C-alpha cells in the first residue's frame, strides 16, 4: 500500500502546529516525544534516565573509594573541566538532530582561541576579543550550513574541510608560538565564581538553557526534530528544511566559538593545539547521552549527563593516580559500559513490547 502524501502532510502539520509535546512514532517505530525524548510510559527505559542512573552509581562508587572526590574543591575542578566540553557538545547536538555531522569542531576551537588571544593582544578589550572570536566561528558555522543545506553538499566533506582550513589558519597565526595576551583580565572569566560555583560552570549552564529554549520553546526546535525524524515528511508539511539545517550548523558554530573562548580564558592563551582531541570527547558525550545518529532523537539533558559521565571518569582517573598507559584503556572501557548501560535495557524493552 502506498503512502498518501496528503495524509502524511496533514498529520505532520498537526504535530508541528502543536505547542504541547506529544508522542509520535520514532524512526525505529517506538513512541517518541516531540522533544526527541521517549514517549509517555517510556521514561524508565529512556537513555537519559539510564545514563543518569549510571552517573549516580559512578559518583557513589567514587565517593566510597576516594574521599577527596566529594570535596568542594574537587567538585569545582570537575565543573571547570567539564564546562568547555559541555558547551561544545550542546552545540554538536543540533547538527546531529537534523541528520548531519560536524567535523570542524577541533579547528573551530583552535581558531576561536587564537583569534580571541590575537585581538586582545593587539590592544582590544577582552570583551571585544571574545565577541569577535565567537562571531567569526559562528560565521564559519553559517557557511557550513549554507553549503550543506542550500548547496546540498556532503556534511562530512564540508565540515572536515572547514576544520582543516581553520586549523591551518590557526597554525599560521601562531607560527611564533602560542599567543599569550598581557591583559590580566583575559583569564577573569575562567577564574570567576558566583558564590561557590565557578564562572565556567555558570557559562555552561546558560548555554544549556539557551539550547533548551531553542529546542523546546520555539518553533525552530520542532522543525529540527521533524527534519531529523523524517526530512521528506517535514518538507511535505511545509518545513523549510534547508534553512533549518543552516540554522543548526550556525548554532553549532556559535557554541563552538563560546567553548573556544572559555578554554582560552582558562589556559590564558591562544594555541592551535588547543582542542585537538576535544571533538572526539564531544561525540562520546552525545552518544552516551542517548543522541541518535541520523534519527532526530536526543535532548540537552542527555548531552549534559553524557558530559558529566566523561568528566567523572576523567576526574576519577586523576584522583586515583592511575598510570598514564592505563588511563585510555580504563576510560574507554567505562565509556563502553555507560553506552551499554543505557542502550541495552531500552532495546530489550522495545523487543518485549507488542
C-alpha atoms as a PDB file:
ATOM      1  CA  UNK A   1       0.000   0.000   0.000  1.00  0.00           C
ATOM      2  CA  UNK A   2       1.479   3.390  -0.996  1.00  0.00           C
ATOM      3  CA  UNK A   3       1.885   6.428   1.200  1.00  0.00           C
ATOM      4  CA  UNK A   4      -0.680   9.172   0.716  1.00  0.00           C
ATOM      5  CA  UNK A   5       1.326  12.429   0.637  1.00  0.00           C
ATOM      6  CA  UNK A   6      -1.748  14.492   1.534  1.00  0.00           C
ATOM      7  CA  UNK A   7      -2.456  12.376   4.592  1.00  0.00           C
ATOM      8  CA  UNK A   8       1.169  12.474   5.620  1.00  0.00           C
ATOM      9  CA  UNK A   9       1.245  16.235   5.190  1.00  0.00           C
ATOM     10  CA  UNK A  10      -1.868  16.751   7.299  1.00  0.00           C
ATOM     11  CA  UNK A  11      -0.546  14.551  10.103  1.00  0.00           C
ATOM     12  CA  UNK A  12       2.818  16.282  10.073  1.00  0.00           C
ATOM     13  CA  UNK A  13       1.189  19.708  10.175  1.00  0.00           C
ATOM     14  CA  UNK A  14      -0.814  18.719  13.264  1.00  0.00           C
ATOM     15  CA  UNK A  15       2.364  17.679  15.048  1.00  0.00           C
ATOM     16  CA  UNK A  16       4.320  20.788  14.005  1.00  0.00           C
ATOM     17  CA  UNK A  17       1.500  23.156  14.897  1.00  0.00           C
ATOM     18  CA  UNK A  18       1.016  21.755  18.389  1.00  0.00           C
ATOM     19  CA  UNK A  19       2.527  23.660  21.295  1.00  0.00           C
ATOM     20  CA  UNK A  20       2.403  20.624  23.587  1.00  0.00           C
ATOM     21  CA  UNK A  21       4.842  17.703  23.298  1.00  0.00           C
ATOM     22  CA  UNK A  22       3.107  14.554  22.161  1.00  0.00           C
ATOM     23  CA  UNK A  23       4.185  11.009  21.496  1.00  0.00           C
ATOM     24  CA  UNK A  24       4.891  10.340  17.836  1.00  0.00           C
ATOM     25  CA  UNK A  25       6.371   7.298  16.154  1.00  0.00           C
ATOM     26  CA  UNK A  26      10.156   7.472  16.122  1.00  0.00           C
ATOM     27  CA  UNK A  27      12.415   6.247  13.337  1.00  0.00           C
ATOM     28  CA  UNK A  28      12.599   2.839  14.961  1.00  0.00           C
ATOM     29  CA  UNK A  29       8.848   2.627  15.417  1.00  0.00           C
ATOM     30  CA  UNK A  30       8.829   3.322  19.187  1.00  0.00           C
ATOM     31  CA  UNK A  31       6.893   6.142  20.759  1.00  0.00           C
ATOM     32  CA  UNK A  32       8.939   9.302  20.787  1.00  0.00           C
ATOM     33  CA  UNK A  33       8.135  12.726  22.205  1.00  0.00           C
ATOM     34  CA  UNK A  34       8.267  15.875  20.145  1.00  0.00           C
ATOM     35  CA  UNK A  35      11.374  16.855  22.110  1.00  0.00           C
ATOM     36  CA  UNK A  36      13.254  13.844  20.820  1.00  0.00           C
ATOM     37  CA  UNK A  37      12.828  12.064  24.138  1.00  0.00           C
ATOM     38  CA  UNK A  38      10.842   8.951  24.979  1.00  0.00           C
ATOM     39  CA  UNK A  39       7.102   8.892  24.666  1.00  0.00           C
ATOM     40  CA  UNK A  40       4.848   8.655  27.680  1.00  0.00           C
ATOM     41  CA  UNK A  41       5.385   5.439  29.631  1.00  0.00           C
ATOM     42  CA  UNK A  42       8.971   5.022  28.384  1.00  0.00           C
ATOM     43  CA  UNK A  43      10.808   7.136  30.964  1.00  0.00           C
ATOM     44  CA  UNK A  44      12.258   4.212  32.930  1.00  0.00           C
ATOM     45  CA  UNK A  45      13.963   2.808  29.846  1.00  0.00           C
ATOM     46  CA  UNK A  46      14.906   6.121  28.271  1.00  0.00           C
ATOM     47  CA  UNK A  47      18.636   6.631  27.587  1.00  0.00           C
ATOM     48  CA  UNK A  48      18.606   9.861  29.590  1.00  0.00           C
ATOM     49  CA  UNK A  49      17.189   8.185  32.700  1.00  0.00           C
ATOM     50  CA  UNK A  50      19.528   5.210  32.445  1.00  0.00           C
ATOM     51  CA  UNK A  51      22.675   7.276  31.907  1.00  0.00           C
ATOM     52  CA  UNK A  52      21.575   9.366  34.889  1.00  0.00           C
ATOM     53  CA  UNK A  53      21.408   6.216  36.991  1.00  0.00           C
ATOM     54  CA  UNK A  54      24.850   5.194  35.732  1.00  0.00           C
ATOM     55  CA  UNK A  55      26.214   8.628  36.682  1.00  0.00           C
ATOM     56  CA  UNK A  56      24.792   8.360  40.197  1.00  0.00           C
ATOM     57  CA  UNK A  57      26.278   4.884  40.657  1.00  0.00           C
ATOM     58  CA  UNK A  58      29.629   6.128  39.372  1.00  0.00           C
ATOM     59  CA  UNK A  59      29.605   9.042  41.822  1.00  0.00           C
ATOM     60  CA  UNK A  60      28.645   6.776  44.738  1.00  0.00           C
ATOM     61  CA  UNK A  61      31.470   4.361  43.963  1.00  0.00           C
ATOM     62  CA  UNK A  62      33.965   7.205  43.663  1.00  0.00           C
ATOM     63  CA  UNK A  63      32.793   8.753  46.936  1.00  0.00           C
ATOM     64  CA  UNK A  64      33.399   5.462  48.705  1.00  0.00           C
ATOM     65  CA  UNK A  65      36.809   4.595  47.276  1.00  0.00           C
ATOM     66  CA  UNK A  66      38.152   8.166  47.088  1.00  0.00           C
ATOM     67  CA  UNK A  67      37.015  10.592  49.848  1.00  0.00           C
ATOM     68  CA  UNK A  68      38.611  13.532  48.019  1.00  0.00           C
ATOM     69  CA  UNK A  69      36.063  13.118  45.236  1.00  0.00           C
ATOM     70  CA  UNK A  70      33.208  14.676  47.219  1.00  0.00           C
ATOM     71  CA  UNK A  71      35.162  17.690  48.497  1.00  0.00           C
ATOM     72  CA  UNK A  72      34.083  21.155  47.358  1.00  0.00           C
ATOM     73  CA  UNK A  73      37.441  21.898  45.736  1.00  0.00           C
ATOM     74  CA  UNK A  74      37.336  18.715  43.657  1.00  0.00           C
ATOM     75  CA  UNK A  75      33.726  19.254  42.606  1.00  0.00           C
ATOM     76  CA  UNK A  76      34.650  22.775  41.487  1.00  0.00           C
ATOM     77  CA  UNK A  77      37.551  21.369  39.480  1.00  0.00           C
ATOM     78  CA  UNK A  78      35.226  18.775  37.967  1.00  0.00           C
ATOM     79  CA  UNK A  79      32.848  21.552  36.917  1.00  0.00           C
ATOM     80  CA  UNK A  80      35.627  23.607  35.342  1.00  0.00           C
ATOM     81  CA  UNK A  81      36.995  20.589  33.479  1.00  0.00           C
ATOM     82  CA  UNK A  82      33.559  19.651  32.129  1.00  0.00           C
ATOM     83  CA  UNK A  83      32.271  23.135  31.222  1.00  0.00           C
ATOM     84  CA  UNK A  84      34.060  23.561  27.890  1.00  0.00           C
ATOM     85  CA  UNK A  85      33.123  20.063  26.738  1.00  0.00           C
ATOM     86  CA  UNK A  86      29.509  20.667  27.796  1.00  0.00           C
ATOM     87  CA  UNK A  87      29.207  23.814  25.683  1.00  0.00           C
ATOM     88  CA  UNK A  88      30.786  22.155  22.646  1.00  0.00           C
ATOM     89  CA  UNK A  89      28.634  19.012  22.994  1.00  0.00           C
ATOM     90  CA  UNK A  90      25.426  21.021  23.333  1.00  0.00           C
ATOM     91  CA  UNK A  91      26.241  22.762  20.066  1.00  0.00           C
ATOM     92  CA  UNK A  92      27.018  19.439  18.381  1.00  0.00           C
ATOM     93  CA  UNK A  93      23.541  18.228  19.303  1.00  0.00           C
ATOM     94  CA  UNK A  94      21.936  20.481  16.659  1.00  0.00           C
ATOM     95  CA  UNK A  95      23.652  19.114  13.506  1.00  0.00           C
ATOM     96  CA  UNK A  96      23.139  15.563  14.741  1.00  0.00           C
ATOM     97  CA  UNK A  97      19.427  16.169  15.324  1.00  0.00           C
ATOM     98  CA  UNK A  98      18.927  17.233  11.692  1.00  0.00           C
ATOM     99  CA  UNK A  99      20.739  14.143  10.450  1.00  0.00           C
ATOM    100  CA  UNK A 100      24.081  15.831   9.856  1.00  0.00           C
ATOM    101  CA  UNK A 101      27.557  15.747  11.323  1.00  0.00           C
ATOM    102  CA  UNK A 102      30.099  18.424  12.238  1.00  0.00           C
ATOM    103  CA  UNK A 103      33.780  17.541  11.925  1.00  0.00           C
ATOM    104  CA  UNK A 104      35.003  21.139  12.102  1.00  0.00           C
ATOM    105  CA  UNK A 105      34.836  21.387  15.894  1.00  0.00           C
ATOM    106  CA  UNK A 106      38.530  20.895  16.694  1.00  0.00           C
ATOM    107  CA  UNK A 107      39.520  23.502  14.116  1.00  0.00           C
ATOM    108  CA  UNK A 108      36.789  25.845  15.364  1.00  0.00           C
ATOM    109  CA  UNK A 109      38.042  25.598  18.945  1.00  0.00           C
ATOM    110  CA  UNK A 110      41.640  26.282  17.882  1.00  0.00           C
ATOM    111  CA  UNK A 111      40.596  29.193  15.663  1.00  0.00           C
ATOM    112  CA  UNK A 112      38.457  30.784  18.387  1.00  0.00           C
ATOM    113  CA  UNK A 113      41.270  30.659  20.944  1.00  0.00           C
ATOM    114  CA  UNK A 114      43.804  32.115  18.519  1.00  0.00           C
ATOM    115  CA  UNK A 115      41.526  34.907  17.246  1.00  0.00           C
ATOM    116  CA  UNK A 116      40.485  35.920  20.759  1.00  0.00           C
ATOM    117  CA  UNK A 117      44.065  35.974  22.025  1.00  0.00           C
ATOM    118  CA  UNK A 118      45.400  37.842  19.000  1.00  0.00           C
ATOM    119  CA  UNK A 119      42.700  40.534  19.098  1.00  0.00           C
ATOM    120  CA  UNK A 120      43.178  41.133  22.833  1.00  0.00           C
ATOM    121  CA  UNK A 121      46.966  41.074  22.460  1.00  0.00           C
ATOM    122  CA  UNK A 122      46.668  43.811  19.831  1.00  0.00           C
ATOM    123  CA  UNK A 123      45.167  46.150  22.433  1.00  0.00           C
ATOM    124  CA  UNK A 124      41.424  45.499  22.220  1.00  0.00           C
ATOM    125  CA  UNK A 125      39.367  44.768  25.306  1.00  0.00           C
ATOM    126  CA  UNK A 126      38.748  41.204  26.390  1.00  0.00           C
ATOM    127  CA  UNK A 127      35.028  41.554  25.644  1.00  0.00           C
ATOM    128  CA  UNK A 128      35.729  42.708  22.087  1.00  0.00           C
ATOM    129  CA  UNK A 129      38.232  39.911  21.512  1.00  0.00           C
ATOM    130  CA  UNK A 130      35.829  37.268  22.765  1.00  0.00           C
ATOM    131  CA  UNK A 131      32.943  38.692  20.724  1.00  0.00           C
ATOM    132  CA  UNK A 132      34.983  38.750  17.516  1.00  0.00           C
ATOM    133  CA  UNK A 133      36.144  35.164  18.087  1.00  0.00           C
ATOM    134  CA  UNK A 134      32.610  33.883  18.687  1.00  0.00           C
ATOM    135  CA  UNK A 135      31.269  35.854  15.728  1.00  0.00           C
ATOM    136  CA  UNK A 136      33.969  34.516  13.404  1.00  0.00           C
ATOM    137  CA  UNK A 137      33.331  30.885  14.309  1.00  0.00           C
ATOM    138  CA  UNK A 138      29.568  31.399  14.098  1.00  0.00           C
ATOM    139  CA  UNK A 139      30.071  32.757  10.567  1.00  0.00           C
ATOM    140  CA  UNK A 140      32.021  29.625   9.667  1.00  0.00           C
ATOM    141  CA  UNK A 141      29.174  27.504  11.029  1.00  0.00           C
ATOM    142  CA  UNK A 142      26.724  29.543   8.958  1.00  0.00           C
ATOM    143  CA  UNK A 143      28.827  28.991   5.844  1.00  0.00           C
ATOM    144  CA  UNK A 144      28.909  25.251   6.585  1.00  0.00           C
ATOM    145  CA  UNK A 145      25.132  25.306   6.874  1.00  0.00           C
ATOM    146  CA  UNK A 146      24.675  27.144   3.583  1.00  0.00           C
ATOM    147  CA  UNK A 147      26.906  24.686   1.743  1.00  0.00           C
ATOM    148  CA  UNK A 148      25.116  21.713   3.307  1.00  0.00           C
ATOM    149  CA  UNK A 149      21.514  22.940   3.438  1.00  0.00           C
ATOM    150  CA  UNK A 150      21.310  25.122   0.332  1.00  0.00           C
ATOM    151  CA  UNK A 151      24.055  23.763  -1.946  1.00  0.00           C
ATOM    152  CA  UNK A 152      23.314  20.215  -0.693  1.00  0.00           C
ATOM    153  CA  UNK A 153      26.972  19.241  -0.335  1.00  0.00           C
ATOM    154  CA  UNK A 154      28.069  16.360   1.895  1.00  0.00           C
ATOM    155  CA  UNK A 155      28.258  17.440   5.561  1.00  0.00           C
ATOM    156  CA  UNK A 156      31.254  15.157   6.092  1.00  0.00           C
ATOM    157  CA  UNK A 157      33.237  16.768   3.282  1.00  0.00           C
ATOM    158  CA  UNK A 158      32.214  20.346   4.075  1.00  0.00           C
ATOM    159  CA  UNK A 159      32.849  20.256   7.822  1.00  0.00           C
ATOM    160  CA  UNK A 160      36.038  18.206   7.536  1.00  0.00           C
ATOM    161  CA  UNK A 161      37.430  20.711   5.026  1.00  0.00           C
ATOM    162  CA  UNK A 162      36.345  23.651   7.188  1.00  0.00           C
ATOM    163  CA  UNK A 163      38.051  22.136  10.214  1.00  0.00           C
ATOM    164  CA  UNK A 164      41.281  21.629   8.309  1.00  0.00           C
ATOM    165  CA  UNK A 165      41.228  25.182   6.951  1.00  0.00           C
ATOM    166  CA  UNK A 166      40.594  26.650  10.407  1.00  0.00           C
ATOM    167  CA  UNK A 167      43.388  24.568  11.893  1.00  0.00           C
ATOM    168  CA  UNK A 168      45.763  25.672   9.129  1.00  0.00           C
ATOM    169  CA  UNK A 169      44.923  29.350   9.643  1.00  0.00           C
ATOM    170  CA  UNK A 170      45.396  28.915  13.396  1.00  0.00           C
ATOM    171  CA  UNK A 171      48.841  27.422  12.832  1.00  0.00           C
ATOM    172  CA  UNK A 172      49.797  30.340  10.585  1.00  0.00           C
ATOM    173  CA  UNK A 173      48.676  32.858  13.195  1.00  0.00           C
ATOM    174  CA  UNK A 174      50.689  31.103  15.897  1.00  0.00           C
ATOM    175  CA  UNK A 175      53.809  30.381  13.859  1.00  0.00           C
ATOM    176  CA  UNK A 176      55.875  32.099  16.564  1.00  0.00           C
ATOM    177  CA  UNK A 177      54.250  30.076  19.325  1.00  0.00           C
ATOM    178  CA  UNK A 178      51.082  30.384  21.440  1.00  0.00           C
ATOM    179  CA  UNK A 179      49.691  33.905  21.824  1.00  0.00           C
ATOM    180  CA  UNK A 180      49.585  34.998  25.472  1.00  0.00           C
ATOM    181  CA  UNK A 181      47.744  38.317  25.915  1.00  0.00           C
ATOM    182  CA  UNK A 182      49.276  40.613  28.516  1.00  0.00           C
ATOM    183  CA  UNK A 183      45.859  41.861  29.621  1.00  0.00           C
ATOM    184  CA  UNK A 184      45.424  40.453  33.166  1.00  0.00           C
ATOM    185  CA  UNK A 185      41.643  40.365  32.687  1.00  0.00           C
ATOM    186  CA  UNK A 186      41.950  37.707  29.989  1.00  0.00           C
ATOM    187  CA  UNK A 187      41.643  34.880  32.500  1.00  0.00           C
ATOM    188  CA  UNK A 188      38.991  36.522  34.678  1.00  0.00           C
ATOM    189  CA  UNK A 189      36.110  34.636  33.063  1.00  0.00           C
ATOM    190  CA  UNK A 190      37.629  31.270  33.902  1.00  0.00           C
ATOM    191  CA  UNK A 191      38.765  32.353  37.371  1.00  0.00           C
ATOM    192  CA  UNK A 192      35.476  33.979  38.387  1.00  0.00           C
ATOM    193  CA  UNK A 193      32.912  32.491  40.754  1.00  0.00           C
ATOM    194  CA  UNK A 194      29.309  33.151  41.658  1.00  0.00           C
ATOM    195  CA  UNK A 195      29.262  32.009  45.253  1.00  0.00           C
ATOM    196  CA  UNK A 196      30.875  28.570  45.253  1.00  0.00           C
ATOM    197  CA  UNK A 197      30.016  27.959  41.583  1.00  0.00           C
ATOM    198  CA  UNK A 198      32.839  28.557  39.057  1.00  0.00           C
ATOM    199  CA  UNK A 199      32.115  31.052  36.288  1.00  0.00           C
ATOM    200  CA  UNK A 200      32.794  28.407  33.639  1.00  0.00           C
ATOM    201  CA  UNK A 201      30.016  26.261  35.081  1.00  0.00           C
ATOM    202  CA  UNK A 202      27.627  29.213  35.064  1.00  0.00           C
ATOM    203  CA  UNK A 203      28.506  29.904  31.424  1.00  0.00           C
ATOM    204  CA  UNK A 204      27.863  26.265  30.513  1.00  0.00           C
ATOM    205  CA  UNK A 205      24.536  26.337  32.361  1.00  0.00           C
ATOM    206  CA  UNK A 206      23.476  29.459  30.456  1.00  0.00           C
ATOM    207  CA  UNK A 207      24.354  27.735  27.177  1.00  0.00           C
ATOM    208  CA  UNK A 208      22.317  24.690  28.201  1.00  0.00           C
ATOM    209  CA  UNK A 209      19.298  26.881  28.964  1.00  0.00           C
ATOM    210  CA  UNK A 210      19.625  28.682  25.620  1.00  0.00           C
ATOM    211  CA  UNK A 211      19.749  25.362  23.766  1.00  0.00           C
ATOM    212  CA  UNK A 212      16.777  24.038  25.751  1.00  0.00           C
ATOM    213  CA  UNK A 213      14.719  27.111  24.867  1.00  0.00           C
ATOM    214  CA  UNK A 214      15.631  26.782  21.192  1.00  0.00           C
ATOM    215  CA  UNK A 215      14.575  23.137  21.091  1.00  0.00           C
ATOM    216  CA  UNK A 216      11.610  23.149  23.473  1.00  0.00           C
ATOM    217  CA  UNK A 217      10.039  26.588  23.360  1.00  0.00           C
ATOM    218  CA  UNK A 218      10.486  27.759  19.787  1.00  0.00           C
ATOM    219  CA  UNK A 219       9.004  26.544  16.509  1.00  0.00           C
ATOM    220  CA  UNK A 220      12.565  26.109  15.283  1.00  0.00           C
ATOM    221  CA  UNK A 221      13.016  23.264  17.769  1.00  0.00           C
ATOM    222  CA  UNK A 222      10.008  21.387  16.439  1.00  0.00           C
ATOM    223  CA  UNK A 223      11.362  21.862  12.946  1.00  0.00           C
ATOM    224  CA  UNK A 224      14.748  20.458  13.983  1.00  0.00           C
ATOM    225  CA  UNK A 225      13.188  17.259  15.334  1.00  0.00           C
ATOM    226  CA  UNK A 226      10.878  16.985  12.333  1.00  0.00           C
ATOM    227  CA  UNK A 227      13.771  17.228   9.865  1.00  0.00           C
ATOM    228  CA  UNK A 228      15.847  14.705  11.806  1.00  0.00           C
ATOM    229  CA  UNK A 229      12.958  12.271  12.209  1.00  0.00           C
ATOM    230  CA  UNK A 230      11.837  12.309   8.577  1.00  0.00           C
ATOM    231  CA  UNK A 231      13.146  15.024   6.294  1.00  0.00           C
ATOM    232  CA  UNK A 232      10.777  14.184   3.433  1.00  0.00           C
ATOM    233  CA  UNK A 233       7.688  14.276   5.644  1.00  0.00           C
ATOM    234  CA  UNK A 234       8.872  17.530   7.195  1.00  0.00           C
ATOM    235  CA  UNK A 235       9.301  19.080   3.747  1.00  0.00           C
ATOM    236  CA  UNK A 236       5.826  17.926   2.716  1.00  0.00           C
ATOM    237  CA  UNK A 237       4.482  19.562   5.878  1.00  0.00           C
ATOM    238  CA  UNK A 238       5.945  22.890   4.808  1.00  0.00           C
ATOM    239  CA  UNK A 239       9.066  22.909   6.967  1.00  0.00           C
ATOM    240  CA  UNK A 240      11.884  24.933   5.343  1.00  0.00           C
ATOM    241  CA  UNK A 241      14.298  22.018   5.699  1.00  0.00           C
ATOM    242  CA  UNK A 242      17.317  23.715   4.028  1.00  0.00           C
ATOM    243  CA  UNK A 243      17.123  26.728   6.341  1.00  0.00           C
ATOM    244  CA  UNK A 244      16.644  24.519   9.398  1.00  0.00           C
ATOM    245  CA  UNK A 245      19.926  22.819   8.522  1.00  0.00           C
ATOM    246  CA  UNK A 246      21.590  26.185   8.020  1.00  0.00           C
ATOM    247  CA  UNK A 247      20.400  27.249  11.458  1.00  0.00           C
ATOM    248  CA  UNK A 248      21.599  24.022  13.069  1.00  0.00           C
ATOM    249  CA  UNK A 249      25.143  24.456  11.773  1.00  0.00           C
ATOM    250  CA  UNK A 250      25.228  28.159  12.644  1.00  0.00           C
ATOM    251  CA  UNK A 251      24.202  27.295  16.207  1.00  0.00           C
ATOM    252  CA  UNK A 252      26.877  24.606  16.343  1.00  0.00           C
ATOM    253  CA  UNK A 253      29.422  27.219  15.261  1.00  0.00           C
ATOM    254  CA  UNK A 254      28.216  29.659  17.904  1.00  0.00           C
ATOM    255  CA  UNK A 255      28.596  27.142  20.731  1.00  0.00           C
ATOM    256  CA  UNK A 256      31.989  26.047  19.394  1.00  0.00           C
ATOM    257  CA  UNK A 257      33.071  29.685  19.497  1.00  0.00           C
ATOM    258  CA  UNK A 258      31.861  30.057  23.082  1.00  0.00           C
ATOM    259  CA  UNK A 259      33.660  26.847  24.056  1.00  0.00           C
ATOM    260  CA  UNK A 260      36.805  28.217  22.444  1.00  0.00           C
ATOM    261  CA  UNK A 261      36.845  31.476  24.420  1.00  0.00           C
ATOM    262  CA  UNK A 262      36.102  29.614  27.668  1.00  0.00           C
ATOM    263  CA  UNK A 263      39.040  27.298  27.019  1.00  0.00           C
ATOM    264  CA  UNK A 264      41.295  30.176  26.012  1.00  0.00           C
ATOM    265  CA  UNK A 265      40.399  32.112  29.151  1.00  0.00           C
ATOM    266  CA  UNK A 266      41.115  29.072  31.261  1.00  0.00           C
ATOM    267  CA  UNK A 267      44.601  28.431  29.853  1.00  0.00           C
ATOM    268  CA  UNK A 268      45.366  32.116  29.300  1.00  0.00           C
ATOM    269  CA  UNK A 269      46.461  31.833  25.690  1.00  0.00           C
ATOM    270  CA  UNK A 270      45.513  31.147  22.106  1.00  0.00           C
ATOM    271  CA  UNK A 271      47.051  27.993  20.686  1.00  0.00           C
ATOM    272  CA  UNK A 272      46.364  25.979  17.538  1.00  0.00           C
ATOM    273  CA  UNK A 273      46.827  22.771  19.506  1.00  0.00           C
ATOM    274  CA  UNK A 274      44.035  23.541  21.962  1.00  0.00           C
ATOM    275  CA  UNK A 275      41.015  21.348  21.403  1.00  0.00           C
ATOM    276  CA  UNK A 276      42.938  18.805  19.328  1.00  0.00           C
ATOM    277  CA  UNK A 277      41.076  15.863  20.872  1.00  0.00           C
ATOM    278  CA  UNK A 278      38.001  17.522  22.362  1.00  0.00           C
ATOM    279  CA  UNK A 279      35.840  16.800  19.316  1.00  0.00           C
ATOM    280  CA  UNK A 280      36.058  13.055  19.956  1.00  0.00           C
ATOM    281  CA  UNK A 281      35.064  13.596  23.583  1.00  0.00           C
ATOM    282  CA  UNK A 282      32.072  15.659  22.401  1.00  0.00           C
ATOM    283  CA  UNK A 283      30.865  12.836  20.164  1.00  0.00           C
ATOM    284  CA  UNK A 284      31.344  10.350  23.011  1.00  0.00           C
ATOM    285  CA  UNK A 285      29.314  12.599  25.319  1.00  0.00           C
ATOM    286  CA  UNK A 286      26.353  12.997  22.970  1.00  0.00           C
ATOM    287  CA  UNK A 287      26.180   9.287  22.189  1.00  0.00           C
ATOM    288  CA  UNK A 288      26.439   8.360  25.877  1.00  0.00           C
ATOM    289  CA  UNK A 289      23.599  10.823  26.445  1.00  0.00           C
ATOM    290  CA  UNK A 290      21.334   8.945  24.054  1.00  0.00           C
ATOM    291  CA  UNK A 291      21.542  11.158  20.978  1.00  0.00           C
ATOM    292  CA  UNK A 292      20.777   9.064  17.923  1.00  0.00           C
ATOM    293  CA  UNK A 293      22.907   9.489  14.822  1.00  0.00           C
ATOM    294  CA  UNK A 294      20.579  10.443  11.981  1.00  0.00           C
ATOM    295  CA  UNK A 295      17.419   9.628  13.958  1.00  0.00           C
ATOM    296  CA  UNK A 296      16.287  13.034  15.208  1.00  0.00           C
ATOM    297  CA  UNK A 297      16.459  11.762  18.759  1.00  0.00           C
ATOM    298  CA  UNK A 298      18.196  13.431  21.692  1.00  0.00           C
ATOM    299  CA  UNK A 299      17.947  16.388  24.047  1.00  0.00           C
ATOM    300  CA  UNK A 300      20.029  18.788  26.103  1.00  0.00           C
ATOM    301  CA  UNK A 301      19.574  16.888  29.374  1.00  0.00           C
ATOM    302  CA  UNK A 302      21.008  13.709  27.880  1.00  0.00           C
ATOM    303  CA  UNK A 303      24.015  15.577  26.469  1.00  0.00           C
ATOM    304  CA  UNK A 304      24.773  17.208  29.837  1.00  0.00           C
ATOM    305  CA  UNK A 305      24.557  13.829  31.578  1.00  0.00           C
ATOM    306  CA  UNK A 306      26.913  12.333  28.991  1.00  0.00           C
ATOM    307  CA  UNK A 307      29.415  15.134  29.614  1.00  0.00           C
ATOM    308  CA  UNK A 308      29.215  14.585  33.373  1.00  0.00           C
ATOM    309  CA  UNK A 309      29.871  10.861  32.947  1.00  0.00           C
ATOM    310  CA  UNK A 310      33.022  11.619  30.973  1.00  0.00           C
ATOM    311  CA  UNK A 311      34.017  14.282  33.493  1.00  0.00           C
ATOM    312  CA  UNK A 312      33.643  11.958  36.465  1.00  0.00           C
ATOM    313  CA  UNK A 313      35.612   9.232  34.694  1.00  0.00           C
ATOM    314  CA  UNK A 314      38.484  11.620  33.904  1.00  0.00           C
ATOM    315  CA  UNK A 315      38.397  13.061  37.423  1.00  0.00           C
ATOM    316  CA  UNK A 316      38.430   9.597  38.977  1.00  0.00           C
ATOM    317  CA  UNK A 317      41.458   8.583  36.917  1.00  0.00           C
ATOM    318  CA  UNK A 318      43.307  11.722  38.047  1.00  0.00           C
ATOM    319  CA  UNK A 319      42.424  11.259  41.716  1.00  0.00           C
ATOM    320  CA  UNK A 320      43.466   7.627  41.769  1.00  0.00           C
ATOM    321  CA  UNK A 321      46.803   8.473  40.153  1.00  0.00           C
ATOM    322  CA  UNK A 322      46.439   5.746  37.552  1.00  0.00           C
ATOM    323  CA  UNK A 323      49.493   5.247  35.334  1.00  0.00           C
ATOM    324  CA  UNK A 324      49.217   7.069  32.010  1.00  0.00           C
ATOM    325  CA  UNK A 325      49.473   3.880  29.944  1.00  0.00           C
ATOM    326  CA  UNK A 326      46.295   2.596  31.626  1.00  0.00           C
ATOM    327  CA  UNK A 327      44.269   5.798  31.537  1.00  0.00           C
ATOM    328  CA  UNK A 328      42.964   5.497  27.966  1.00  0.00           C
ATOM    329  CA  UNK A 329      42.160   1.800  28.430  1.00  0.00           C
ATOM    330  CA  UNK A 330      40.146   2.356  31.614  1.00  0.00           C
ATOM    331  CA  UNK A 331      38.435   5.429  30.204  1.00  0.00           C
ATOM    332  CA  UNK A 332      37.448   3.563  27.039  1.00  0.00           C
ATOM    333  CA  UNK A 333      36.070   0.596  28.983  1.00  0.00           C
ATOM    334  CA  UNK A 334      33.962   2.838  31.225  1.00  0.00           C
ATOM    335  CA  UNK A 335      32.608   4.763  28.226  1.00  0.00           C
ATOM    336  CA  UNK A 336      31.552   1.481  26.588  1.00  0.00           C
ATOM    337  CA  UNK A 337      29.906   0.389  29.864  1.00  0.00           C
ATOM    338  CA  UNK A 338      27.998   3.675  30.018  1.00  0.00           C
ATOM    339  CA  UNK A 339      26.688   3.232  26.474  1.00  0.00           C
ATOM    340  CA  UNK A 340      25.748  -0.395  27.104  1.00  0.00           C
ATOM    341  CA  UNK A 341      24.059   0.535  30.395  1.00  0.00           C
ATOM    342  CA  UNK A 342      21.722   2.999  28.679  1.00  0.00           C
ATOM    343  CA  UNK A 343      21.255   1.209  25.329  1.00  0.00           C
ATOM    344  CA  UNK A 344      20.640  -2.440  26.208  1.00  0.00           C
ATOM    345  CA  UNK A 345      17.633  -2.022  28.582  1.00  0.00           C
ATOM    346  CA  UNK A 346      15.917   0.290  26.098  1.00  0.00           C
ATOM    347  CA  UNK A 347      16.491  -2.189  23.280  1.00  0.00           C
ATOM    348  CA  UNK A 348      15.209  -5.076  25.381  1.00  0.00           C
ATOM    349  CA  UNK A 349      12.121  -3.067  26.266  1.00  0.00           C
ATOM    350  CA  UNK A 350      11.418  -2.408  22.575  1.00  0.00           C
ATOM    351  CA  UNK A 351      11.855  -6.097  21.785  1.00  0.00           C
ATOM    352  CA  UNK A 352       9.488  -7.128  24.586  1.00  0.00           C
ATOM    353  CA  UNK A 353       6.786  -4.602  23.693  1.00  0.00           C
ATOM    354  CA  UNK A 354       3.968  -5.838  21.407  1.00  0.00           C
END
